[in-house]
Full PDB file with SEQRES, HELIX, SHEET, SSBOND, CRYST1, ORIGX, SCALE, CONECT and MASTER records, all heavy atoms in Angstrom:
SEQRES   1 A   29  PHE GLY GLU THR PHE LEU PHE MET PHE PRO THR PHE SER          
SEQRES   2 A   29  ARG VAL SER TYR SER TYR ALA ALA ALA LEU LEU THR PHE          
SEQRES   3 A   29  ALA VAL TYR                                                  
HELIX    1 AA1 THR A   11  SER A   13  5                                   3    
HELIX    2 AA2 VAL A   15  VAL A   28  1                                  14    
CRYST1    1.000    1.000    1.000  90.00  90.00  90.00 P 1           1          
ORIGX1      1.000000  0.000000  0.000000        0.00000                         
ORIGX2      0.000000  1.000000  0.000000        0.00000                         
ORIGX3      0.000000  0.000000  1.000000        0.00000                         
SCALE1      1.000000  0.000000  0.000000        0.00000                         
SCALE2      0.000000  1.000000  0.000000        0.00000                         
SCALE3      0.000000  0.000000  1.000000        0.00000                         
ATOM      1  N   PHE A   1     -21.828 -50.496 148.614  1.00  0.00           N  
ATOM      2  CA  PHE A   1     -22.406 -51.523 149.450  1.00  0.00           C  
ATOM      3  C   PHE A   1     -23.952 -51.483 149.304  1.00  0.00           C  
ATOM      4  O   PHE A   1     -24.580 -52.504 149.486  1.00  0.00           O  
ATOM      5  CB  PHE A   1     -22.069 -51.292 150.931  1.00  0.00           C  
ATOM      6  CG  PHE A   1     -20.733 -51.847 151.337  1.00  0.00           C  
ATOM      7  CD1 PHE A   1     -19.947 -51.202 152.273  1.00  0.00           C  
ATOM      8  CD2 PHE A   1     -20.229 -53.031 150.771  1.00  0.00           C  
ATOM      9  CE1 PHE A   1     -18.685 -51.736 152.629  1.00  0.00           C  
ATOM     10  CE2 PHE A   1     -19.021 -53.550 151.136  1.00  0.00           C  
ATOM     11  CZ  PHE A   1     -18.246 -52.888 152.076  1.00  0.00           C  
ATOM     12  N   GLY A   2     -24.491 -50.293 148.969  1.00  0.00           N  
ATOM     13  CA  GLY A   2     -25.921 -50.198 148.808  1.00  0.00           C  
ATOM     14  C   GLY A   2     -26.463 -50.971 147.613  1.00  0.00           C  
ATOM     15  O   GLY A   2     -27.671 -51.258 147.506  1.00  0.00           O  
ATOM     16  N   GLU A   3     -25.598 -51.255 146.629  1.00  0.00           N  
ATOM     17  CA  GLU A   3     -25.968 -51.986 145.427  1.00  0.00           C  
ATOM     18  C   GLU A   3     -25.442 -53.392 145.420  1.00  0.00           C  
ATOM     19  O   GLU A   3     -25.563 -54.090 144.418  1.00  0.00           O  
ATOM     20  CB  GLU A   3     -25.494 -51.219 144.180  1.00  0.00           C  
ATOM     21  CG  GLU A   3     -26.288 -49.981 143.862  1.00  0.00           C  
ATOM     22  CD  GLU A   3     -26.133 -48.884 144.885  1.00  0.00           C  
ATOM     23  OE1 GLU A   3     -24.972 -48.449 145.153  1.00  0.00           O  
ATOM     24  OE2 GLU A   3     -27.168 -48.496 145.461  1.00  0.00           O  
ATOM     25  N   THR A   4     -24.836 -53.807 146.535  1.00  0.00           N  
ATOM     26  CA  THR A   4     -24.327 -55.182 146.671  1.00  0.00           C  
ATOM     27  C   THR A   4     -25.384 -56.006 147.372  1.00  0.00           C  
ATOM     28  O   THR A   4     -25.726 -55.730 148.498  1.00  0.00           O  
ATOM     29  CB  THR A   4     -23.013 -55.177 147.487  1.00  0.00           C  
ATOM     30  OG1 THR A   4     -22.086 -54.288 146.908  1.00  0.00           O  
ATOM     31  CG2 THR A   4     -22.408 -56.566 147.498  1.00  0.00           C  
ATOM     32  N   PHE A   5     -25.946 -57.008 146.706  1.00  0.00           N  
ATOM     33  CA  PHE A   5     -27.070 -57.742 147.174  1.00  0.00           C  
ATOM     34  C   PHE A   5     -26.844 -58.419 148.513  1.00  0.00           C  
ATOM     35  O   PHE A   5     -27.789 -58.682 149.281  1.00  0.00           O  
ATOM     36  CB  PHE A   5     -27.579 -58.736 146.145  1.00  0.00           C  
ATOM     37  CG  PHE A   5     -28.211 -58.112 144.927  1.00  0.00           C  
ATOM     38  CD1 PHE A   5     -27.477 -57.964 143.781  1.00  0.00           C  
ATOM     39  CD2 PHE A   5     -29.496 -57.648 144.995  1.00  0.00           C  
ATOM     40  CE1 PHE A   5     -28.034 -57.374 142.653  1.00  0.00           C  
ATOM     41  CE2 PHE A   5     -30.072 -57.037 143.912  1.00  0.00           C  
ATOM     42  CZ  PHE A   5     -29.354 -56.864 142.696  1.00  0.00           C  
ATOM     43  N   LEU A   6     -25.603 -58.736 148.811  1.00  0.00           N  
ATOM     44  CA  LEU A   6     -25.303 -59.348 150.114  1.00  0.00           C  
ATOM     45  C   LEU A   6     -25.472 -58.367 151.263  1.00  0.00           C  
ATOM     46  O   LEU A   6     -25.834 -58.784 152.347  1.00  0.00           O  
ATOM     47  CB  LEU A   6     -23.864 -59.869 150.096  1.00  0.00           C  
ATOM     48  CG  LEU A   6     -23.378 -60.629 151.359  1.00  0.00           C  
ATOM     49  CD1 LEU A   6     -24.205 -61.890 151.526  1.00  0.00           C  
ATOM     50  CD2 LEU A   6     -21.881 -60.956 151.204  1.00  0.00           C  
ATOM     51  N   PHE A   7     -25.300 -57.057 150.981  1.00  0.00           N  
ATOM     52  CA  PHE A   7     -25.374 -56.076 152.050  1.00  0.00           C  
ATOM     53  C   PHE A   7     -26.572 -55.145 151.891  1.00  0.00           C  
ATOM     54  O   PHE A   7     -27.281 -54.882 152.837  1.00  0.00           O  
ATOM     55  CB  PHE A   7     -24.062 -55.251 152.064  1.00  0.00           C  
ATOM     56  CG  PHE A   7     -22.818 -56.038 152.172  1.00  0.00           C  
ATOM     57  CD1 PHE A   7     -21.877 -56.045 151.165  1.00  0.00           C  
ATOM     58  CD2 PHE A   7     -22.637 -56.832 153.308  1.00  0.00           C  
ATOM     59  CE1 PHE A   7     -20.729 -56.797 151.271  1.00  0.00           C  
ATOM     60  CE2 PHE A   7     -21.462 -57.580 153.422  1.00  0.00           C  
ATOM     61  CZ  PHE A   7     -20.538 -57.579 152.427  1.00  0.00           C  
ATOM     62  N   MET A   8     -26.742 -54.589 150.713  1.00  0.00           N  
ATOM     63  CA  MET A   8     -27.887 -53.686 150.404  1.00  0.00           C  
ATOM     64  C   MET A   8     -28.059 -52.557 151.387  1.00  0.00           C  
ATOM     65  O   MET A   8     -29.140 -52.237 151.839  1.00  0.00           O  
ATOM     66  CB  MET A   8     -29.192 -54.503 150.313  1.00  0.00           C  
ATOM     67  CG  MET A   8     -29.255 -55.419 149.092  1.00  0.00           C  
ATOM     68  SD  MET A   8     -29.048 -54.542 147.491  1.00  0.00           S  
ATOM     69  CE  MET A   8     -30.422 -53.447 147.508  1.00  0.00           C  
ATOM     70  N   PHE A   9     -26.971 -51.893 151.696  1.00  0.00           N  
ATOM     71  CA  PHE A   9     -27.032 -50.726 152.573  1.00  0.00           C  
ATOM     72  C   PHE A   9     -25.809 -49.847 152.369  1.00  0.00           C  
ATOM     73  O   PHE A   9     -24.649 -50.299 152.703  1.00  0.00           O  
ATOM     74  CB  PHE A   9     -27.192 -51.131 154.042  1.00  0.00           C  
ATOM     75  CG  PHE A   9     -27.424 -49.929 154.966  1.00  0.00           C  
ATOM     76  CD1 PHE A   9     -28.712 -49.452 155.061  1.00  0.00           C  
ATOM     77  CD2 PHE A   9     -26.425 -49.356 155.688  1.00  0.00           C  
ATOM     78  CE1 PHE A   9     -28.992 -48.359 155.894  1.00  0.00           C  
ATOM     79  CE2 PHE A   9     -26.657 -48.263 156.474  1.00  0.00           C  
ATOM     80  CZ  PHE A   9     -27.952 -47.764 156.605  1.00  0.00           C  
ATOM     81  N   PRO A  10     -26.000 -48.623 151.900  1.00  0.00           N  
ATOM     82  CA  PRO A  10     -24.852 -47.697 151.736  1.00  0.00           C  
ATOM     83  C   PRO A  10     -24.473 -47.118 153.108  1.00  0.00           C  
ATOM     84  O   PRO A  10     -25.321 -46.520 153.781  1.00  0.00           O  
ATOM     85  CB  PRO A  10     -25.337 -46.645 150.781  1.00  0.00           C  
ATOM     86  CG  PRO A  10     -26.825 -46.654 150.936  1.00  0.00           C  
ATOM     87  CD  PRO A  10     -27.238 -48.042 151.307  1.00  0.00           C  
ATOM     88  N   THR A  11     -23.249 -47.322 153.511  1.00  0.00           N  
ATOM     89  CA  THR A  11     -22.825 -46.861 154.831  1.00  0.00           C  
ATOM     90  C   THR A  11     -23.102 -45.383 155.081  1.00  0.00           C  
ATOM     91  O   THR A  11     -23.535 -45.010 156.203  1.00  0.00           O  
ATOM     92  CB  THR A  11     -21.319 -47.124 155.013  1.00  0.00           C  
ATOM     93  OG1 THR A  11     -21.020 -48.481 154.666  1.00  0.00           O  
ATOM     94  CG2 THR A  11     -20.907 -46.928 156.449  1.00  0.00           C  
ATOM     95  N   PHE A  12     -22.889 -44.558 154.076  1.00  0.00           N  
ATOM     96  CA  PHE A  12     -23.032 -43.097 154.265  1.00  0.00           C  
ATOM     97  C   PHE A  12     -24.489 -42.622 154.201  1.00  0.00           C  
ATOM     98  O   PHE A  12     -24.733 -41.416 154.250  1.00  0.00           O  
ATOM     99  CB  PHE A  12     -22.158 -42.362 153.265  1.00  0.00           C  
ATOM    100  CG  PHE A  12     -20.682 -42.455 153.619  1.00  0.00           C  
ATOM    101  CD1 PHE A  12     -19.852 -43.254 152.836  1.00  0.00           C  
ATOM    102  CD2 PHE A  12     -20.182 -41.707 154.676  1.00  0.00           C  
ATOM    103  CE1 PHE A  12     -18.514 -43.353 153.167  1.00  0.00           C  
ATOM    104  CE2 PHE A  12     -18.823 -41.829 154.999  1.00  0.00           C  
ATOM    105  CZ  PHE A  12     -17.989 -42.641 154.231  1.00  0.00           C  
ATOM    106  N   SER A  13     -25.423 -43.557 154.172  1.00  0.00           N  
ATOM    107  CA  SER A  13     -26.823 -43.146 154.313  1.00  0.00           C  
ATOM    108  C   SER A  13     -27.189 -43.009 155.768  1.00  0.00           C  
ATOM    109  O   SER A  13     -28.267 -42.598 156.136  1.00  0.00           O  
ATOM    110  CB  SER A  13     -27.751 -44.216 153.653  1.00  0.00           C  
ATOM    111  OG  SER A  13     -27.619 -45.453 154.265  1.00  0.00           O  
ATOM    112  N   ARG A  14     -26.229 -43.315 156.660  1.00  0.00           N  
ATOM    113  CA  ARG A  14     -26.326 -42.966 158.107  1.00  0.00           C  
ATOM    114  C   ARG A  14     -25.489 -41.687 158.298  1.00  0.00           C  
ATOM    115  O   ARG A  14     -24.297 -41.681 158.000  1.00  0.00           O  
ATOM    116  CB  ARG A  14     -25.766 -44.086 158.982  1.00  0.00           C  
ATOM    117  CG  ARG A  14     -26.648 -45.305 159.115  1.00  0.00           C  
ATOM    118  CD  ARG A  14     -27.892 -45.056 159.904  1.00  0.00           C  
ATOM    119  NE  ARG A  14     -27.588 -44.707 161.268  1.00  0.00           N  
ATOM    120  CZ  ARG A  14     -27.425 -45.629 162.249  1.00  0.00           C  
ATOM    121  NH1 ARG A  14     -27.605 -46.899 161.986  1.00  0.00           N  
ATOM    122  NH2 ARG A  14     -27.138 -45.232 163.483  1.00  0.00           N  
ATOM    123  N   VAL A  15     -26.156 -40.642 158.725  1.00  0.00           N  
ATOM    124  CA  VAL A  15     -25.499 -39.300 158.738  1.00  0.00           C  
ATOM    125  C   VAL A  15     -24.271 -39.245 159.654  1.00  0.00           C  
ATOM    126  O   VAL A  15     -23.352 -38.474 159.371  1.00  0.00           O  
ATOM    127  CB  VAL A  15     -26.558 -38.246 159.137  1.00  0.00           C  
ATOM    128  CG1 VAL A  15     -26.924 -38.348 160.622  1.00  0.00           C  
ATOM    129  CG2 VAL A  15     -26.083 -36.858 158.804  1.00  0.00           C  
ATOM    130  N   SER A  16     -24.214 -40.083 160.681  1.00  0.00           N  
ATOM    131  CA  SER A  16     -23.071 -40.008 161.560  1.00  0.00           C  
ATOM    132  C   SER A  16     -21.791 -40.386 160.823  1.00  0.00           C  
ATOM    133  O   SER A  16     -20.720 -39.784 161.138  1.00  0.00           O  
ATOM    134  CB  SER A  16     -23.286 -40.998 162.739  1.00  0.00           C  
ATOM    135  OG  SER A  16     -23.566 -42.294 162.263  1.00  0.00           O  
ATOM    136  N   TYR A  17     -21.845 -41.258 159.871  1.00  0.00           N  
ATOM    137  CA  TYR A  17     -20.636 -41.646 159.116  1.00  0.00           C  
ATOM    138  C   TYR A  17     -20.214 -40.534 158.137  1.00  0.00           C  
ATOM    139  O   TYR A  17     -19.047 -40.277 157.933  1.00  0.00           O  
ATOM    140  CB  TYR A  17     -20.888 -42.979 158.380  1.00  0.00           C  
ATOM    141  CG  TYR A  17     -21.012 -44.144 159.322  1.00  0.00           C  
ATOM    142  CD1 TYR A  17     -22.285 -44.515 159.787  1.00  0.00           C  
ATOM    143  CD2 TYR A  17     -19.914 -44.835 159.789  1.00  0.00           C  
ATOM    144  CE1 TYR A  17     -22.416 -45.579 160.666  1.00  0.00           C  
ATOM    145  CE2 TYR A  17     -20.041 -45.877 160.669  1.00  0.00           C  
ATOM    146  CZ  TYR A  17     -21.331 -46.247 161.137  1.00  0.00           C  
ATOM    147  OH  TYR A  17     -21.443 -47.290 162.014  1.00  0.00           O  
ATOM    148  N   SER A  18     -21.206 -39.867 157.597  1.00  0.00           N  
ATOM    149  CA  SER A  18     -20.914 -38.698 156.728  1.00  0.00           C  
ATOM    150  C   SER A  18     -20.297 -37.615 157.580  1.00  0.00           C  
ATOM    151  O   SER A  18     -19.357 -36.895 157.118  1.00  0.00           O  
ATOM    152  CB  SER A  18     -22.184 -38.217 156.081  1.00  0.00           C  
ATOM    153  OG  SER A  18     -22.732 -39.209 155.233  1.00  0.00           O  
ATOM    154  N   TYR A  19     -20.811 -37.354 158.769  1.00  0.00           N  
ATOM    155  CA  TYR A  19     -20.211 -36.377 159.666  1.00  0.00           C  
ATOM    156  C   TYR A  19     -18.755 -36.705 159.998  1.00  0.00           C  
ATOM    157  O   TYR A  19     -17.888 -35.827 160.015  1.00  0.00           O  
ATOM    158  CB  TYR A  19     -21.002 -36.248 160.963  1.00  0.00           C  
ATOM    159  CG  TYR A  19     -22.312 -35.498 160.885  1.00  0.00           C  
ATOM    160  CD1 TYR A  19     -23.372 -35.812 161.715  1.00  0.00           C  
ATOM    161  CD2 TYR A  19     -22.486 -34.479 159.932  1.00  0.00           C  
ATOM    162  CE1 TYR A  19     -24.568 -35.096 161.671  1.00  0.00           C  
ATOM    163  CE2 TYR A  19     -23.665 -33.796 159.870  1.00  0.00           C  
ATOM    164  CZ  TYR A  19     -24.707 -34.101 160.719  1.00  0.00           C  
ATOM    165  OH  TYR A  19     -25.883 -33.412 160.660  1.00  0.00           O  
ATOM    166  N   ALA A  20     -18.508 -37.998 160.248  1.00  0.00           N  
ATOM    167  CA  ALA A  20     -17.172 -38.421 160.589  1.00  0.00           C  
ATOM    168  C   ALA A  20     -16.170 -38.159 159.445  1.00  0.00           C  
ATOM    169  O   ALA A  20     -15.081 -37.638 159.631  1.00  0.00           O  
ATOM    170  CB  ALA A  20     -17.144 -39.894 160.966  1.00  0.00           C  
ATOM    171  N   ALA A  21     -16.608 -38.481 158.236  1.00  0.00           N  
ATOM    172  CA  ALA A  21     -15.735 -38.266 157.070  1.00  0.00           C  
ATOM    173  C   ALA A  21     -15.467 -36.790 156.851  1.00  0.00           C  
ATOM    174  O   ALA A  21     -14.378 -36.347 156.528  1.00  0.00           O  
ATOM    175  CB  ALA A  21     -16.373 -38.871 155.804  1.00  0.00           C  
ATOM    176  N   ALA A  22     -16.544 -35.955 157.055  1.00  0.00           N  
ATOM    177  CA  ALA A  22     -16.397 -34.505 156.869  1.00  0.00           C  
ATOM    178  C   ALA A  22     -15.495 -33.899 157.968  1.00  0.00           C  
ATOM    179  O   ALA A  22     -14.672 -32.998 157.675  1.00  0.00           O  
ATOM    180  CB  ALA A  22     -17.757 -33.851 156.872  1.00  0.00           C  
ATOM    181  N   LEU A  23     -15.634 -34.377 159.186  1.00  0.00           N  
ATOM    182  CA  LEU A  23     -14.837 -33.884 160.273  1.00  0.00           C  
ATOM    183  C   LEU A  23     -13.336 -34.236 160.132  1.00  0.00           C  
ATOM    184  O   LEU A  23     -12.430 -33.470 160.439  1.00  0.00           O  
ATOM    185  CB  LEU A  23     -15.358 -34.339 161.619  1.00  0.00           C  
ATOM    186  CG  LEU A  23     -16.663 -33.684 162.086  1.00  0.00           C  
ATOM    187  CD1 LEU A  23     -17.182 -34.356 163.392  1.00  0.00           C  
ATOM    188  CD2 LEU A  23     -16.478 -32.206 162.327  1.00  0.00           C  
ATOM    189  N   LEU A  24     -13.133 -35.431 159.614  1.00  0.00           N  
ATOM    190  CA  LEU A  24     -11.761 -35.857 159.323  1.00  0.00           C  
ATOM    191  C   LEU A  24     -11.115 -34.991 158.244  1.00  0.00           C  
ATOM    192  O   LEU A  24      -9.981 -34.548 158.386  1.00  0.00           O  
ATOM    193  CB  LEU A  24     -11.715 -37.342 158.939  1.00  0.00           C  
ATOM    194  CG  LEU A  24     -10.313 -37.934 158.666  1.00  0.00           C  
ATOM    195  CD1 LEU A  24      -9.456 -37.852 159.893  1.00  0.00           C  
ATOM    196  CD2 LEU A  24     -10.481 -39.395 158.191  1.00  0.00           C  
ATOM    197  N   THR A  25     -11.897 -34.718 157.208  1.00  0.00           N  
ATOM    198  CA  THR A  25     -11.426 -33.833 156.167  1.00  0.00           C  
ATOM    199  C   THR A  25     -11.184 -32.411 156.692  1.00  0.00           C  
ATOM    200  O   THR A  25     -10.212 -31.752 156.373  1.00  0.00           O  
ATOM    201  CB  THR A  25     -12.438 -33.773 155.004  1.00  0.00           C  
ATOM    202  OG1 THR A  25     -12.597 -35.115 154.475  1.00  0.00           O  
ATOM    203  CG2 THR A  25     -11.965 -32.842 153.884  1.00  0.00           C  
ATOM    204  N   PHE A  26     -12.076 -31.971 157.565  1.00  0.00           N  
ATOM    205  CA  PHE A  26     -11.935 -30.618 158.196  1.00  0.00           C  
ATOM    206  C   PHE A  26     -10.625 -30.588 158.970  1.00  0.00           C  
ATOM    207  O   PHE A  26      -9.875 -29.604 158.898  1.00  0.00           O  
ATOM    208  CB  PHE A  26     -13.110 -30.409 159.144  1.00  0.00           C  
ATOM    209  CG  PHE A  26     -13.036 -29.179 159.948  1.00  0.00           C  
ATOM    210  CD1 PHE A  26     -13.355 -27.924 159.437  1.00  0.00           C  
ATOM    211  CD2 PHE A  26     -12.638 -29.237 161.302  1.00  0.00           C  
ATOM    212  CE1 PHE A  26     -13.304 -26.761 160.196  1.00  0.00           C  
ATOM    213  CE2 PHE A  26     -12.560 -28.105 162.077  1.00  0.00           C  
ATOM    214  CZ  PHE A  26     -12.893 -26.868 161.526  1.00  0.00           C  
ATOM    215  N   ALA A  27     -10.343 -31.655 159.751  1.00  0.00           N  
ATOM    216  CA  ALA A  27      -9.101 -31.695 160.530  1.00  0.00           C  
ATOM    217  C   ALA A  27      -7.863 -31.689 159.595  1.00  0.00           C  
ATOM    218  O   ALA A  27      -6.852 -31.018 159.939  1.00  0.00           O  
ATOM    219  CB  ALA A  27      -9.052 -32.955 161.406  1.00  0.00           C  
ATOM    220  N   VAL A  28      -7.973 -32.362 158.431  1.00  0.00           N  
ATOM    221  CA  VAL A  28      -6.829 -32.384 157.513  1.00  0.00           C  
ATOM    222  C   VAL A  28      -6.574 -31.018 156.938  1.00  0.00           C  
ATOM    223  O   VAL A  28      -5.404 -30.531 156.922  1.00  0.00           O  
ATOM    224  CB  VAL A  28      -7.077 -33.418 156.382  1.00  0.00           C  
ATOM    225  CG1 VAL A  28      -6.019 -33.286 155.279  1.00  0.00           C  
ATOM    226  CG2 VAL A  28      -7.054 -34.815 156.974  1.00  0.00           C  
ATOM    227  N   TYR A  29      -7.609 -30.316 156.462  1.00  0.00           N  
ATOM    228  CA  TYR A  29      -7.331 -29.047 155.800  1.00  0.00           C  
ATOM    229  C   TYR A  29      -7.058 -27.931 156.784  1.00  0.00           C  
ATOM    230  O   TYR A  29      -6.248 -27.035 156.506  1.00  0.00           O  
ATOM    231  CB  TYR A  29      -8.439 -28.674 154.771  1.00  0.00           C  
ATOM    232  CG  TYR A  29      -9.734 -28.172 155.256  1.00  0.00           C  
ATOM    233  CD1 TYR A  29      -9.890 -26.898 155.756  1.00  0.00           C  
ATOM    234  CD2 TYR A  29     -10.894 -28.968 155.102  1.00  0.00           C  
ATOM    235  CE1 TYR A  29     -11.142 -26.415 156.153  1.00  0.00           C  
ATOM    236  CE2 TYR A  29     -12.144 -28.465 155.501  1.00  0.00           C  
ATOM    237  CZ  TYR A  29     -12.253 -27.218 156.007  1.00  0.00           C  
ATOM    238  OH  TYR A  29     -13.488 -26.753 156.374  1.00  0.00           O  
TER     239      TYR A  29                                                      
MASTER        0    0    0    2    0    0    0    6  238    1    0    3          
END                                                                             
């Protein structure tokens, strides 16, 4: 999304979303 001119923002450049993905992975393993 960060390289898509319509949006120009990578979602995971907000740390809260990276935390959410990592915590979900933590819960899985």
